[in-house]
Amino acid sequence: MRNLRAGRPPALPIAALLIALAAGLPPRPAGCAVAGDARAAGAVMTARDAGDVGKGFKDLGRKIGAAGKQVGLEVADAAKRVWYKGKQVSKPKLDQVQEKTREFWSHVIEGKDRTLEELRRENDELKHRAAERKDAD
């Protein structure tokens, strides 16, 4: 029984497929030999064949790089749209928080601007109201 690691396909057929794609050969299953085919029979690879394989790998790398770039651009575009949408949603909340903060500090400042005499008058008025309520009960 073959030793397969956690459902991974065997590396040799995948490598053979990649080499065949890079060399521009039609992909064949591993171990498939056609009578009269020197490459499938195990003939020695010539310098020209090696150059073709290298060129094929280079082209494959370029295609993978271009596809990776396209995927990266699409992901960046999607992230930008999500960021703008989040900004649109959070902008009204930010404005609301800023307005409430201004109101709070305005009240605090107004309270500090009152004179001692005004505070005494307000205190006397509140005591008077409390006494009236007590008498009414």
N, C-alpha and C. Protein backbone atom coordinates (compact mmCIF):
# COMPACT_ATOMS: atom_id res chain seq x y z
N MET A 1 0.85 -1.18 0.00
CA MET A 1 0.00 0.00 0.00
C MET A 1 0.89 1.24 0.00
N ARG A 2 0.49 2.22 -0.75
CA ARG A 2 1.27 3.46 -0.83
C ARG A 2 1.12 4.26 0.44
N ASN A 3 2.16 5.01 0.74
CA ASN A 3 2.15 5.87 1.91
C ASN A 3 1.69 7.26 1.49
N LEU A 4 0.38 7.53 1.49
CA LEU A 4 -0.16 8.83 1.12
C LEU A 4 -0.31 9.67 2.39
N ARG A 5 0.16 10.90 2.30
CA ARG A 5 0.11 11.79 3.46
C ARG A 5 -1.19 12.57 3.47
N ALA A 6 -2.05 12.29 4.39
CA ALA A 6 -3.28 13.05 4.68
C ALA A 6 -4.04 13.45 3.42
N GLY A 7 -4.27 12.50 2.55
CA GLY A 7 -5.08 12.78 1.37
C GLY A 7 -4.37 13.52 0.26
N ARG A 8 -3.06 13.73 0.38
CA ARG A 8 -2.32 14.41 -0.67
C ARG A 8 -2.07 13.45 -1.83
N PRO A 9 -2.17 13.94 -3.06
CA PRO A 9 -1.84 13.07 -4.19
C PRO A 9 -0.33 12.82 -4.25
N PRO A 10 0.09 11.73 -4.84
CA PRO A 10 1.53 11.44 -4.94
C PRO A 10 2.24 12.54 -5.73
N ALA A 11 3.44 12.85 -5.33
CA ALA A 11 4.19 13.96 -5.93
C ALA A 11 4.70 13.62 -7.34
N LEU A 12 5.05 12.37 -7.62
CA LEU A 12 5.65 12.02 -8.90
C LEU A 12 4.71 12.27 -10.08
N PRO A 13 3.45 11.84 -10.04
CA PRO A 13 2.57 12.14 -11.18
C PRO A 13 2.34 13.65 -11.36
N ILE A 14 2.28 14.39 -10.27
CA ILE A 14 2.11 15.84 -10.38
C ILE A 14 3.34 16.47 -11.02
N ALA A 15 4.53 16.04 -10.61
CA ALA A 15 5.76 16.58 -11.19
C ALA A 15 5.82 16.23 -12.68
N ALA A 16 5.44 15.02 -13.05
CA ALA A 16 5.47 14.61 -14.46
C ALA A 16 4.50 15.47 -15.26
N LEU A 17 3.34 15.76 -14.70
CA LEU A 17 2.36 16.60 -15.37
C LEU A 17 2.89 18.02 -15.56
N LEU A 18 3.50 18.58 -14.53
CA LEU A 18 4.06 19.93 -14.63
C LEU A 18 5.17 20.01 -15.68
N ILE A 19 6.04 19.01 -15.70
CA ILE A 19 7.14 19.00 -16.67
C ILE A 19 6.57 18.89 -18.08
N ALA A 20 5.55 18.04 -18.25
CA ALA A 20 4.94 17.89 -19.57
C ALA A 20 4.29 19.19 -20.02
N LEU A 21 3.61 19.87 -19.11
CA LEU A 21 3.00 21.15 -19.44
C LEU A 21 4.04 22.19 -19.80
N ALA A 22 5.13 22.22 -19.03
CA ALA A 22 6.18 23.21 -19.27
C ALA A 22 6.88 22.95 -20.61
N ALA A 23 7.03 21.69 -20.96
CA ALA A 23 7.71 21.36 -22.21
C ALA A 23 6.77 21.44 -23.41
N GLY A 24 5.50 21.62 -23.16
CA GLY A 24 4.55 21.71 -24.26
C GLY A 24 4.13 20.36 -24.79
N LEU A 25 4.36 19.30 -24.02
CA LEU A 25 3.97 17.95 -24.43
C LEU A 25 2.54 17.68 -23.97
N PRO A 26 1.84 16.84 -24.68
CA PRO A 26 0.51 16.48 -24.18
C PRO A 26 0.67 15.66 -22.90
N PRO A 27 -0.07 15.96 -21.84
CA PRO A 27 0.10 15.23 -20.58
C PRO A 27 -0.38 13.79 -20.71
N ARG A 28 0.42 12.87 -20.14
CA ARG A 28 0.09 11.45 -20.14
C ARG A 28 0.16 10.95 -18.71
N PRO A 29 -0.62 9.96 -18.39
CA PRO A 29 -0.54 9.39 -17.04
C PRO A 29 0.86 8.83 -16.79
N ALA A 30 1.28 8.84 -15.54
CA ALA A 30 2.61 8.32 -15.19
C ALA A 30 2.69 6.84 -15.56
N GLY A 31 3.82 6.45 -16.16
CA GLY A 31 4.05 5.05 -16.51
C GLY A 31 3.46 4.66 -17.85
N CYS A 32 2.88 5.59 -18.58
CA CYS A 32 2.28 5.29 -19.88
C CYS A 32 3.35 5.46 -20.96
N ALA A 33 3.69 4.40 -21.66
CA ALA A 33 4.70 4.49 -22.72
C ALA A 33 4.05 4.06 -24.03
N VAL A 34 4.32 4.83 -25.06
CA VAL A 34 3.80 4.52 -26.39
C VAL A 34 4.96 3.96 -27.20
N ALA A 35 4.72 2.85 -27.90
CA ALA A 35 5.77 2.22 -28.69
C ALA A 35 6.27 3.19 -29.74
N GLY A 36 7.57 3.33 -29.85
CA GLY A 36 8.16 4.20 -30.84
C GLY A 36 8.38 5.62 -30.34
N ASP A 37 7.87 5.97 -29.17
CA ASP A 37 8.06 7.32 -28.63
C ASP A 37 9.35 7.32 -27.81
N ALA A 38 10.35 7.99 -28.32
CA ALA A 38 11.67 7.97 -27.67
C ALA A 38 11.62 8.62 -26.30
N ARG A 39 10.85 9.65 -26.13
CA ARG A 39 10.78 10.33 -24.83
C ARG A 39 10.14 9.43 -23.77
N ALA A 40 9.06 8.76 -24.15
CA ALA A 40 8.39 7.90 -23.19
C ALA A 40 9.22 6.66 -22.89
N ALA A 41 10.06 6.24 -23.83
CA ALA A 41 10.88 5.04 -23.64
C ALA A 41 12.10 5.33 -22.78
N GLY A 42 12.36 6.60 -22.44
CA GLY A 42 13.47 6.91 -21.55
C GLY A 42 14.72 7.33 -22.27
N ALA A 43 14.61 7.87 -23.46
CA ALA A 43 15.79 8.34 -24.20
C ALA A 43 16.41 9.52 -23.46
N VAL A 44 17.68 9.79 -23.74
CA VAL A 44 18.40 10.88 -23.10
C VAL A 44 17.86 12.21 -23.63
N MET A 45 17.67 13.15 -22.71
CA MET A 45 17.16 14.46 -23.08
C MET A 45 18.27 15.27 -23.72
N THR A 46 17.99 15.86 -24.86
CA THR A 46 18.99 16.68 -25.56
C THR A 46 19.01 18.08 -24.95
N ALA A 47 20.01 18.87 -25.32
CA ALA A 47 20.14 20.24 -24.82
C ALA A 47 18.95 21.08 -25.28
N ARG A 48 18.48 20.82 -26.49
CA ARG A 48 17.33 21.57 -27.01
C ARG A 48 16.08 21.27 -26.19
N ASP A 49 15.90 19.98 -25.86
CA ASP A 49 14.75 19.60 -25.04
C ASP A 49 14.84 20.26 -23.66
N ALA A 50 16.03 20.29 -23.11
CA ALA A 50 16.21 20.91 -21.78
C ALA A 50 15.89 22.40 -21.85
N GLY A 51 16.30 23.06 -22.94
CA GLY A 51 15.98 24.48 -23.11
C GLY A 51 14.49 24.70 -23.25
N ASP A 52 13.82 23.78 -23.98
CA ASP A 52 12.37 23.88 -24.13
C ASP A 52 11.67 23.73 -22.78
N VAL A 53 12.17 22.80 -21.97
CA VAL A 53 11.57 22.59 -20.64
C VAL A 53 11.78 23.84 -19.78
N GLY A 54 13.00 24.40 -19.83
CA GLY A 54 13.28 25.62 -19.05
C GLY A 54 12.40 26.77 -19.50
N LYS A 55 12.25 26.91 -20.82
CA LYS A 55 11.39 27.98 -21.35
C LYS A 55 9.95 27.75 -20.93
N GLY A 56 9.55 26.49 -20.96
CA GLY A 56 8.17 26.16 -20.55
C GLY A 56 7.92 26.51 -19.10
N PHE A 57 8.90 26.19 -18.23
CA PHE A 57 8.75 26.53 -16.82
C PHE A 57 8.71 28.05 -16.63
N LYS A 58 9.54 28.76 -17.38
CA LYS A 58 9.58 30.22 -17.30
C LYS A 58 8.23 30.80 -17.71
N ASP A 59 7.68 30.31 -18.82
CA ASP A 59 6.36 30.77 -19.26
C ASP A 59 5.28 30.43 -18.23
N LEU A 60 5.36 29.23 -17.68
CA LEU A 60 4.40 28.82 -16.66
C LEU A 60 4.50 29.75 -15.45
N GLY A 61 5.72 30.10 -15.04
CA GLY A 61 5.91 31.02 -13.93
C GLY A 61 5.31 32.39 -14.21
N ARG A 62 5.48 32.86 -15.44
CA ARG A 62 4.90 34.16 -15.82
C ARG A 62 3.38 34.12 -15.75
N LYS A 63 2.81 33.03 -16.27
CA LYS A 63 1.34 32.90 -16.25
C LYS A 63 0.83 32.85 -14.81
N ILE A 64 1.52 32.11 -13.97
CA ILE A 64 1.12 32.02 -12.56
C ILE A 64 1.26 33.39 -11.90
N GLY A 65 2.34 34.10 -12.20
CA GLY A 65 2.54 35.44 -11.64
C GLY A 65 1.46 36.41 -12.08
N ALA A 66 1.09 36.35 -13.36
CA ALA A 66 0.03 37.24 -13.86
C ALA A 66 -1.30 36.91 -13.19
N ALA A 67 -1.60 35.62 -13.06
CA ALA A 67 -2.85 35.23 -12.40
C ALA A 67 -2.85 35.65 -10.93
N GLY A 68 -1.70 35.49 -10.27
CA GLY A 68 -1.58 35.92 -8.88
C GLY A 68 -1.77 37.42 -8.74
N LYS A 69 -1.24 38.18 -9.67
CA LYS A 69 -1.40 39.63 -9.64
C LYS A 69 -2.86 40.00 -9.79
N GLN A 70 -3.54 39.34 -10.73
CA GLN A 70 -4.97 39.62 -10.96
C GLN A 70 -5.78 39.31 -9.70
N VAL A 71 -5.49 38.19 -9.06
CA VAL A 71 -6.19 37.82 -7.83
C VAL A 71 -5.93 38.86 -6.75
N GLY A 72 -4.68 39.30 -6.63
CA GLY A 72 -4.34 40.32 -5.65
C GLY A 72 -5.08 41.62 -5.89
N LEU A 73 -5.19 42.03 -7.16
CA LEU A 73 -5.92 43.26 -7.47
C LEU A 73 -7.41 43.13 -7.13
N GLU A 74 -7.98 41.96 -7.42
CA GLU A 74 -9.39 41.75 -7.10
C GLU A 74 -9.63 41.76 -5.59
N VAL A 75 -8.73 41.14 -4.84
CA VAL A 75 -8.85 41.13 -3.38
C VAL A 75 -8.72 42.55 -2.83
N ALA A 76 -7.77 43.31 -3.36
CA ALA A 76 -7.58 44.70 -2.90
C ALA A 76 -8.81 45.54 -3.22
N ASP A 77 -9.41 45.33 -4.39
CA ASP A 77 -10.61 46.07 -4.76
C ASP A 77 -11.76 45.73 -3.82
N ALA A 78 -11.92 44.45 -3.51
CA ALA A 78 -12.99 44.04 -2.59
C ALA A 78 -12.75 44.63 -1.20
N ALA A 79 -11.50 44.63 -0.74
CA ALA A 79 -11.19 45.19 0.58
C ALA A 79 -11.46 46.69 0.60
N LYS A 80 -11.16 47.37 -0.49
CA LYS A 80 -11.43 48.81 -0.58
C LYS A 80 -12.92 49.08 -0.49
N ARG A 81 -13.74 48.27 -1.19
CA ARG A 81 -15.19 48.46 -1.13
C ARG A 81 -15.72 48.23 0.28
N VAL A 82 -15.20 47.21 0.96
CA VAL A 82 -15.63 46.94 2.34
C VAL A 82 -15.24 48.10 3.24
N TRP A 83 -14.04 48.64 3.07
CA TRP A 83 -13.59 49.76 3.89
C TRP A 83 -14.48 50.98 3.68
N TYR A 84 -14.78 51.31 2.42
CA TYR A 84 -15.64 52.46 2.14
C TYR A 84 -17.04 52.26 2.72
N LYS A 85 -17.57 51.04 2.62
CA LYS A 85 -18.90 50.75 3.16
C LYS A 85 -18.88 50.92 4.68
N GLY A 86 -17.84 50.42 5.33
CA GLY A 86 -17.70 50.60 6.77
C GLY A 86 -17.60 52.06 7.15
N LYS A 87 -16.90 52.81 6.34
CA LYS A 87 -16.76 54.24 6.60
C LYS A 87 -18.11 54.94 6.48
N GLN A 88 -18.90 54.57 5.47
CA GLN A 88 -20.23 55.17 5.30
C GLN A 88 -21.14 54.84 6.46
N VAL A 89 -21.04 53.63 6.98
CA VAL A 89 -21.88 53.21 8.10
C VAL A 89 -21.45 53.91 9.38
N SER A 90 -20.16 54.03 9.60
CA SER A 90 -19.67 54.59 10.87
C SER A 90 -19.67 56.11 10.89
N LYS A 91 -19.73 56.78 9.76
CA LYS A 91 -19.69 58.24 9.72
C LYS A 91 -20.83 58.88 10.50
N PRO A 92 -22.10 58.45 10.31
CA PRO A 92 -23.18 59.05 11.10
C PRO A 92 -23.01 58.83 12.60
N LYS A 93 -22.53 57.65 12.98
CA LYS A 93 -22.31 57.39 14.41
C LYS A 93 -21.21 58.29 14.96
N LEU A 94 -20.17 58.49 14.19
CA LEU A 94 -19.09 59.37 14.61
C LEU A 94 -19.60 60.79 14.80
N ASP A 95 -20.42 61.25 13.85
CA ASP A 95 -20.99 62.59 13.97
C ASP A 95 -21.87 62.71 15.21
N GLN A 96 -22.63 61.66 15.49
CA GLN A 96 -23.51 61.67 16.66
C GLN A 96 -22.69 61.73 17.95
N VAL A 97 -21.63 60.97 18.03
CA VAL A 97 -20.78 60.98 19.22
C VAL A 97 -20.14 62.35 19.40
N GLN A 98 -19.68 62.94 18.31
CA GLN A 98 -19.08 64.27 18.40
C GLN A 98 -20.09 65.30 18.91
N GLU A 99 -21.32 65.23 18.40
CA GLU A 99 -22.37 66.18 18.83
C GLU A 99 -22.69 66.02 20.31
N LYS A 100 -22.84 64.78 20.77
CA LYS A 100 -23.13 64.52 22.18
C LYS A 100 -21.98 64.98 23.07
N THR A 101 -20.76 64.79 22.62
CA THR A 101 -19.60 65.24 23.39
C THR A 101 -19.61 66.76 23.52
N ARG A 102 -19.90 67.45 22.42
CA ARG A 102 -19.98 68.92 22.47
C ARG A 102 -21.06 69.38 23.44
N GLU A 103 -22.23 68.73 23.39
CA GLU A 103 -23.32 69.08 24.30
C GLU A 103 -22.91 68.88 25.76
N PHE A 104 -22.27 67.75 26.05
CA PHE A 104 -21.85 67.47 27.42
C PHE A 104 -20.91 68.56 27.94
N TRP A 105 -19.89 68.87 27.15
CA TRP A 105 -18.92 69.86 27.62
C TRP A 105 -19.53 71.26 27.68
N SER A 106 -20.49 71.55 26.82
CA SER A 106 -21.18 72.84 26.90
C SER A 106 -21.92 72.97 28.22
N HIS A 107 -22.60 71.88 28.63
CA HIS A 107 -23.32 71.90 29.92
C HIS A 107 -22.34 72.05 31.08
N VAL A 108 -21.22 71.36 31.00
CA VAL A 108 -20.22 71.46 32.08
C VAL A 108 -19.70 72.89 32.18
N ILE A 109 -19.41 73.49 31.03
CA ILE A 109 -18.87 74.86 31.03
C ILE A 109 -19.94 75.85 31.52
N GLU A 110 -21.19 75.65 31.09
CA GLU A 110 -22.26 76.53 31.56
C GLU A 110 -22.40 76.44 33.07
N GLY A 111 -22.27 75.24 33.63
CA GLY A 111 -22.37 75.06 35.08
C GLY A 111 -21.26 75.78 35.80
N LYS A 112 -20.09 75.81 35.22
CA LYS A 112 -18.95 76.48 35.87
C LYS A 112 -19.03 77.99 35.72
N ASP A 113 -19.77 78.46 34.71
CA ASP A 113 -19.88 79.90 34.49
C ASP A 113 -20.87 80.56 35.44
N ARG A 114 -21.70 79.81 36.10
CA ARG A 114 -22.69 80.40 36.99
C ARG A 114 -22.00 80.98 38.23
N THR A 115 -22.55 82.07 38.69
CA THR A 115 -21.94 82.73 39.85
C THR A 115 -22.43 82.08 41.13
N LEU A 116 -21.76 82.37 42.19
CA LEU A 116 -22.11 81.82 43.49
C LEU A 116 -23.48 82.32 43.93
N GLU A 117 -23.77 83.57 43.60
CA GLU A 117 -25.08 84.14 43.96
C GLU A 117 -26.22 83.41 43.24
N GLU A 118 -26.03 83.08 41.96
CA GLU A 118 -27.06 82.34 41.21
C GLU A 118 -27.28 80.96 41.82
N LEU A 119 -26.21 80.33 42.23
CA LEU A 119 -26.32 79.00 42.83
C LEU A 119 -27.07 79.06 44.16
N ARG A 120 -26.82 80.11 44.94
CA ARG A 120 -27.53 80.26 46.23
C ARG A 120 -29.02 80.46 45.99
N ARG A 121 -29.36 81.29 44.99
CA ARG A 121 -30.77 81.52 44.69
C ARG A 121 -31.46 80.22 44.24
N GLU A 122 -30.78 79.46 43.39
CA GLU A 122 -31.35 78.19 42.92
C GLU A 122 -31.52 77.23 44.08
N ASN A 123 -30.57 77.17 44.98
CA ASN A 123 -30.63 76.29 46.14
C ASN A 123 -31.82 76.67 47.03
N ASP A 124 -32.00 77.99 47.27
CA ASP A 124 -33.13 78.45 48.08
C ASP A 124 -34.45 78.08 47.42
N GLU A 125 -34.54 78.23 46.12
CA GLU A 125 -35.76 77.91 45.39
C GLU A 125 -36.08 76.42 45.51
N LEU A 126 -35.08 75.57 45.38
CA LEU A 126 -35.29 74.13 45.49
C LEU A 126 -35.72 73.74 46.91
N LYS A 127 -35.14 74.39 47.91
CA LYS A 127 -35.54 74.12 49.30
C LYS A 127 -36.99 74.54 49.52
N HIS A 128 -37.36 75.68 48.93
CA HIS A 128 -38.72 76.18 49.07
C HIS A 128 -39.71 75.21 48.42
N ARG A 129 -39.41 74.69 47.24
CA ARG A 129 -40.29 73.73 46.56
C ARG A 129 -40.43 72.45 47.38
N ALA A 130 -39.32 71.99 47.94
CA ALA A 130 -39.35 70.77 48.74
C ALA A 130 -40.22 70.96 49.98
N ALA A 131 -40.12 72.11 50.59
CA ALA A 131 -40.93 72.41 51.78
C ALA A 131 -42.42 72.48 51.41
N GLU A 132 -42.75 73.05 50.25
CA GLU A 132 -44.14 73.11 49.82
C GLU A 132 -44.71 71.73 49.59
N ARG A 133 -43.93 70.85 49.00
CA ARG A 133 -44.39 69.47 48.76
C ARG A 133 -44.62 68.73 50.07
N LYS A 134 -43.73 69.00 51.02
CA LYS A 134 -43.83 68.35 52.32
C LYS A 134 -45.11 68.81 53.04
N ASP A 135 -45.40 70.11 52.93
CA ASP A 135 -46.59 70.65 53.57
C ASP A 135 -47.86 70.14 52.89
N ALA A 136 -47.81 69.91 51.57
CA ALA A 136 -48.97 69.44 50.82
C ALA A 136 -49.31 68.00 51.17
N ASP A 137 -48.34 67.22 51.59
CA ASP A 137 -48.56 65.80 51.92
C ASP A 137 -49.11 65.69 53.28
